[in-house]
N, C-alpha and C. Protein backbone atom coordinates (compact mmCIF):
# COMPACT_ATOMS: atom_id res chain seq x y z
N ASN A 1 11.39 -5.67 137.40
CA ASN A 1 11.90 -6.81 138.14
C ASN A 1 11.91 -8.04 137.24
N ASP A 2 12.63 -9.03 137.66
CA ASP A 2 12.85 -10.23 136.85
C ASP A 2 11.55 -10.96 136.53
N LEU A 3 10.66 -11.08 137.51
CA LEU A 3 9.39 -11.77 137.28
C LEU A 3 8.57 -11.06 136.21
N GLU A 4 8.49 -9.75 136.31
CA GLU A 4 7.71 -8.99 135.32
C GLU A 4 8.31 -9.13 133.92
N ALA A 5 9.61 -9.15 133.82
CA ALA A 5 10.27 -9.34 132.53
C ALA A 5 9.97 -10.72 131.96
N GLN A 6 9.96 -11.73 132.81
CA GLN A 6 9.66 -13.09 132.36
C GLN A 6 8.19 -13.23 131.93
N LYS A 7 7.29 -12.57 132.65
CA LYS A 7 5.87 -12.57 132.24
C LYS A 7 5.73 -11.91 130.88
N GLY A 8 6.44 -10.79 130.70
CA GLY A 8 6.40 -10.10 129.41
C GLY A 8 6.91 -10.96 128.28
N LEU A 9 8.00 -11.67 128.53
CA LEU A 9 8.55 -12.56 127.51
C LEU A 9 7.54 -13.67 127.17
N ALA A 10 6.89 -14.24 128.16
CA ALA A 10 5.91 -15.29 127.91
C ALA A 10 4.74 -14.76 127.09
N ARG A 11 4.30 -13.54 127.39
CA ARG A 11 3.19 -12.93 126.63
C ARG A 11 3.60 -12.69 125.17
N VAL A 12 4.75 -12.05 124.99
CA VAL A 12 5.22 -11.71 123.64
C VAL A 12 5.46 -12.98 122.81
N THR A 13 5.95 -14.01 123.46
CA THR A 13 6.17 -15.28 122.75
C THR A 13 4.86 -15.81 122.18
N ALA A 14 3.80 -15.77 122.98
CA ALA A 14 2.49 -16.22 122.49
C ALA A 14 1.98 -15.30 121.39
N TRP A 15 2.08 -14.00 121.61
CA TRP A 15 1.59 -13.04 120.60
C TRP A 15 2.32 -13.18 119.28
N ASN A 16 3.57 -13.63 119.34
CA ASN A 16 4.34 -13.84 118.12
C ASN A 16 4.08 -15.19 117.47
N GLY A 17 3.17 -15.96 118.05
CA GLY A 17 2.73 -17.20 117.43
C GLY A 17 3.38 -18.47 117.94
N ASP A 18 4.30 -18.37 118.88
CA ASP A 18 4.93 -19.58 119.41
C ASP A 18 4.25 -19.96 120.72
N VAL A 19 3.02 -20.43 120.59
CA VAL A 19 2.22 -20.76 121.77
C VAL A 19 2.83 -21.90 122.58
N PRO A 20 3.34 -22.96 121.95
CA PRO A 20 3.98 -24.01 122.77
C PRO A 20 5.12 -23.49 123.64
N ALA A 21 5.93 -22.60 123.10
CA ALA A 21 7.01 -22.03 123.89
C ALA A 21 6.45 -21.17 125.02
N SER A 22 5.38 -20.46 124.74
CA SER A 22 4.74 -19.64 125.77
C SER A 22 4.21 -20.53 126.90
N VAL A 23 3.59 -21.65 126.55
CA VAL A 23 3.11 -22.58 127.58
C VAL A 23 4.29 -23.05 128.44
N ARG A 24 5.39 -23.36 127.82
CA ARG A 24 6.57 -23.80 128.59
C ARG A 24 7.08 -22.70 129.52
N LEU A 25 7.10 -21.46 129.02
CA LEU A 25 7.56 -20.35 129.86
C LEU A 25 6.63 -20.14 131.05
N TRP A 26 5.31 -20.14 130.78
CA TRP A 26 4.35 -19.94 131.87
C TRP A 26 4.41 -21.10 132.86
N THR A 27 4.58 -22.31 132.36
CA THR A 27 4.69 -23.48 133.25
C THR A 27 5.88 -23.32 134.18
N SER A 28 6.99 -22.89 133.63
CA SER A 28 8.19 -22.66 134.43
C SER A 28 7.92 -21.60 135.50
N LEU A 29 7.21 -20.55 135.12
CA LEU A 29 6.90 -19.50 136.09
C LEU A 29 6.00 -20.00 137.21
N THR A 30 5.04 -20.88 136.87
CA THR A 30 4.17 -21.39 137.94
C THR A 30 4.95 -22.26 138.92
N GLN A 31 5.99 -22.91 138.43
CA GLN A 31 6.81 -23.73 139.32
C GLN A 31 7.68 -22.86 140.24
N ARG A 32 8.13 -21.73 139.71
CA ARG A 32 8.98 -20.84 140.51
C ARG A 32 8.19 -19.87 141.39
N TYR A 33 6.97 -19.52 140.93
CA TYR A 33 6.14 -18.55 141.65
C TYR A 33 4.72 -19.11 141.82
N PRO A 34 4.57 -20.20 142.54
CA PRO A 34 3.26 -20.88 142.61
C PRO A 34 2.16 -20.09 143.31
N THR A 35 2.51 -19.04 144.02
CA THR A 35 1.48 -18.25 144.71
C THR A 35 1.12 -16.97 143.96
N ASP A 36 1.61 -16.82 142.75
CA ASP A 36 1.30 -15.64 141.94
C ASP A 36 0.14 -15.96 141.00
N PRO A 37 -1.04 -15.40 141.26
CA PRO A 37 -2.19 -15.74 140.41
C PRO A 37 -2.01 -15.33 138.95
N GLU A 38 -1.21 -14.29 138.70
CA GLU A 38 -1.03 -13.83 137.32
C GLU A 38 -0.28 -14.85 136.47
N VAL A 39 0.65 -15.60 137.07
CA VAL A 39 1.35 -16.61 136.27
C VAL A 39 0.42 -17.76 135.93
N TRP A 40 -0.49 -18.09 136.85
CA TRP A 40 -1.48 -19.14 136.56
C TRP A 40 -2.47 -18.66 135.49
N LEU A 41 -2.85 -17.40 135.55
CA LEU A 41 -3.72 -16.83 134.53
C LEU A 41 -3.03 -16.86 133.16
N GLY A 42 -1.77 -16.47 133.12
CA GLY A 42 -1.02 -16.52 131.86
C GLY A 42 -0.92 -17.93 131.31
N LEU A 43 -0.67 -18.88 132.20
CA LEU A 43 -0.60 -20.28 131.76
C LEU A 43 -1.95 -20.73 131.23
N GLY A 44 -3.01 -20.39 131.92
CA GLY A 44 -4.35 -20.78 131.46
C GLY A 44 -4.68 -20.22 130.10
N ARG A 45 -4.33 -18.98 129.88
CA ARG A 45 -4.57 -18.36 128.56
C ARG A 45 -3.76 -19.06 127.47
N ALA A 46 -2.48 -19.28 127.75
CA ALA A 46 -1.62 -19.91 126.76
C ALA A 46 -2.11 -21.32 126.44
N GLN A 47 -2.55 -22.03 127.45
CA GLN A 47 -3.06 -23.39 127.21
C GLN A 47 -4.35 -23.35 126.39
N ARG A 48 -5.19 -22.35 126.64
CA ARG A 48 -6.41 -22.21 125.82
C ARG A 48 -6.02 -21.95 124.38
N TRP A 49 -5.06 -21.06 124.15
CA TRP A 49 -4.61 -20.77 122.79
C TRP A 49 -4.00 -21.99 122.13
N ALA A 50 -3.42 -22.88 122.95
CA ALA A 50 -2.84 -24.12 122.43
C ALA A 50 -3.91 -25.18 122.19
N GLY A 51 -5.14 -24.90 122.60
CA GLY A 51 -6.23 -25.85 122.37
C GLY A 51 -6.42 -26.87 123.48
N ASP A 52 -5.79 -26.66 124.61
CA ASP A 52 -5.90 -27.61 125.73
C ASP A 52 -6.83 -27.03 126.78
N SER A 53 -8.13 -27.20 126.56
CA SER A 53 -9.11 -26.57 127.45
C SER A 53 -9.09 -27.14 128.86
N GLN A 54 -8.80 -28.43 129.01
CA GLN A 54 -8.77 -29.00 130.37
C GLN A 54 -7.60 -28.43 131.17
N ALA A 55 -6.42 -28.38 130.56
CA ALA A 55 -5.26 -27.81 131.25
C ALA A 55 -5.49 -26.33 131.54
N SER A 56 -6.12 -25.63 130.59
CA SER A 56 -6.44 -24.22 130.79
C SER A 56 -7.36 -24.05 131.99
N ASN A 57 -8.39 -24.87 132.03
CA ASN A 57 -9.34 -24.82 133.14
C ASN A 57 -8.63 -25.06 134.47
N ASP A 58 -7.75 -26.04 134.52
CA ASP A 58 -7.02 -26.36 135.75
C ASP A 58 -6.16 -25.18 136.20
N ALA A 59 -5.44 -24.57 135.27
CA ALA A 59 -4.58 -23.43 135.61
C ALA A 59 -5.40 -22.24 136.08
N LEU A 60 -6.52 -22.00 135.40
CA LEU A 60 -7.37 -20.87 135.79
C LEU A 60 -8.01 -21.10 137.15
N ARG A 61 -8.34 -22.32 137.46
CA ARG A 61 -8.89 -22.62 138.80
C ARG A 61 -7.82 -22.42 139.87
N ALA A 62 -6.58 -22.73 139.55
CA ALA A 62 -5.47 -22.45 140.48
C ALA A 62 -5.34 -20.94 140.70
N ALA A 63 -5.45 -20.17 139.62
CA ALA A 63 -5.39 -18.71 139.73
C ALA A 63 -6.54 -18.20 140.58
N LEU A 64 -7.73 -18.73 140.35
CA LEU A 64 -8.91 -18.29 141.08
C LEU A 64 -8.80 -18.61 142.57
N ALA A 65 -8.20 -19.74 142.90
CA ALA A 65 -8.02 -20.10 144.31
C ALA A 65 -7.11 -19.09 145.01
N LEU A 66 -6.17 -18.52 144.26
CA LEU A 66 -5.25 -17.54 144.83
C LEU A 66 -5.83 -16.13 144.86
N ALA A 67 -6.74 -15.84 143.93
CA ALA A 67 -7.32 -14.49 143.82
C ALA A 67 -8.79 -14.60 143.44
N PRO A 68 -9.64 -15.04 144.37
CA PRO A 68 -11.03 -15.34 144.05
C PRO A 68 -11.89 -14.16 143.59
N THR A 69 -11.43 -12.95 143.83
CA THR A 69 -12.23 -11.80 143.40
C THR A 69 -11.65 -11.09 142.18
N ASN A 70 -10.64 -11.67 141.56
CA ASN A 70 -10.01 -11.05 140.39
C ASN A 70 -10.94 -11.21 139.19
N PRO A 71 -11.50 -10.11 138.68
CA PRO A 71 -12.47 -10.22 137.59
C PRO A 71 -11.87 -10.75 136.28
N GLU A 72 -10.60 -10.50 136.06
CA GLU A 72 -9.94 -10.98 134.85
C GLU A 72 -9.88 -12.52 134.84
N ILE A 73 -9.57 -13.09 135.99
CA ILE A 73 -9.51 -14.55 136.11
C ILE A 73 -10.90 -15.14 135.96
N VAL A 74 -11.87 -14.54 136.63
CA VAL A 74 -13.26 -15.02 136.55
C VAL A 74 -13.74 -14.99 135.11
N SER A 75 -13.46 -13.90 134.41
CA SER A 75 -13.89 -13.77 133.02
C SER A 75 -13.24 -14.82 132.12
N GLU A 76 -11.95 -15.02 132.30
CA GLU A 76 -11.23 -16.01 131.48
C GLU A 76 -11.76 -17.42 131.75
N LEU A 77 -12.03 -17.72 133.01
CA LEU A 77 -12.56 -19.04 133.36
C LEU A 77 -13.95 -19.24 132.77
N GLN A 78 -14.76 -18.21 132.79
CA GLN A 78 -16.09 -18.31 132.18
C GLN A 78 -15.98 -18.57 130.68
N HIS A 79 -15.02 -17.93 130.04
CA HIS A 79 -14.81 -18.15 128.60
C HIS A 79 -14.42 -19.59 128.32
N VAL A 80 -13.47 -20.11 129.10
CA VAL A 80 -13.01 -21.49 128.90
C VAL A 80 -14.15 -22.47 129.17
N ASP A 81 -14.91 -22.22 130.23
CA ASP A 81 -16.06 -23.09 130.54
C ASP A 81 -17.08 -23.07 129.42
N SER A 82 -17.32 -21.89 128.85
CA SER A 82 -18.28 -21.75 127.76
C SER A 82 -17.82 -22.53 126.52
N VAL A 83 -16.56 -22.43 126.20
CA VAL A 83 -16.02 -23.16 125.05
C VAL A 83 -16.11 -24.66 125.29
N SER A 84 -15.80 -25.10 126.50
CA SER A 84 -15.86 -26.53 126.82
C SER A 84 -17.27 -27.07 126.67
N VAL A 85 -18.25 -26.30 127.10
CA VAL A 85 -19.65 -26.73 126.98
C VAL A 85 -20.04 -26.83 125.51
N ARG A 86 -19.63 -25.85 124.70
CA ARG A 86 -19.96 -25.89 123.27
C ARG A 86 -19.29 -27.07 122.57
N LEU A 87 -18.04 -27.35 122.93
CA LEU A 87 -17.35 -28.49 122.33
C LEU A 87 -18.00 -29.81 122.72
N ALA A 88 -18.40 -29.93 123.97
CA ALA A 88 -19.06 -31.15 124.42
C ALA A 88 -20.38 -31.34 123.67
N HIS A 89 -21.10 -30.25 123.47
CA HIS A 89 -22.35 -30.35 122.72
C HIS A 89 -22.11 -30.74 121.27
N ALA A 90 -21.09 -30.15 120.67
CA ALA A 90 -20.76 -30.50 119.27
C ALA A 90 -20.37 -31.97 119.16
N ASP A 91 -19.58 -32.46 120.12
CA ASP A 91 -19.18 -33.87 120.12
C ASP A 91 -20.40 -34.79 120.23
N SER A 92 -21.38 -34.36 120.98
CA SER A 92 -22.57 -35.22 121.18
C SER A 92 -23.41 -35.31 119.91
N LEU A 93 -23.20 -34.40 118.97
CA LEU A 93 -23.96 -34.43 117.73
C LEU A 93 -23.43 -35.45 116.73
N TYR A 94 -22.23 -35.96 116.97
CA TYR A 94 -21.62 -36.89 116.02
C TYR A 94 -21.59 -38.30 116.54
């Protein structure tokens, strides 16, 4: 189906190193399919790869609100939260 093909394109775009384009593709998908937790998860991952931990956190929380028992979303959110805590600690050292 068209949605699955678009998700695949967004994934492959990131894997091929064009993370900004992947973020744009996932953002577009969240606007067209706002109730699909997988598009929010994809956006959160792409934003993390782009180095935008706050935007990643926001997207992952949107995914979690739609699918609160999805272990993949929970795991990704824990990873982003862990990185954010480490970065905050590193910033406090300077």
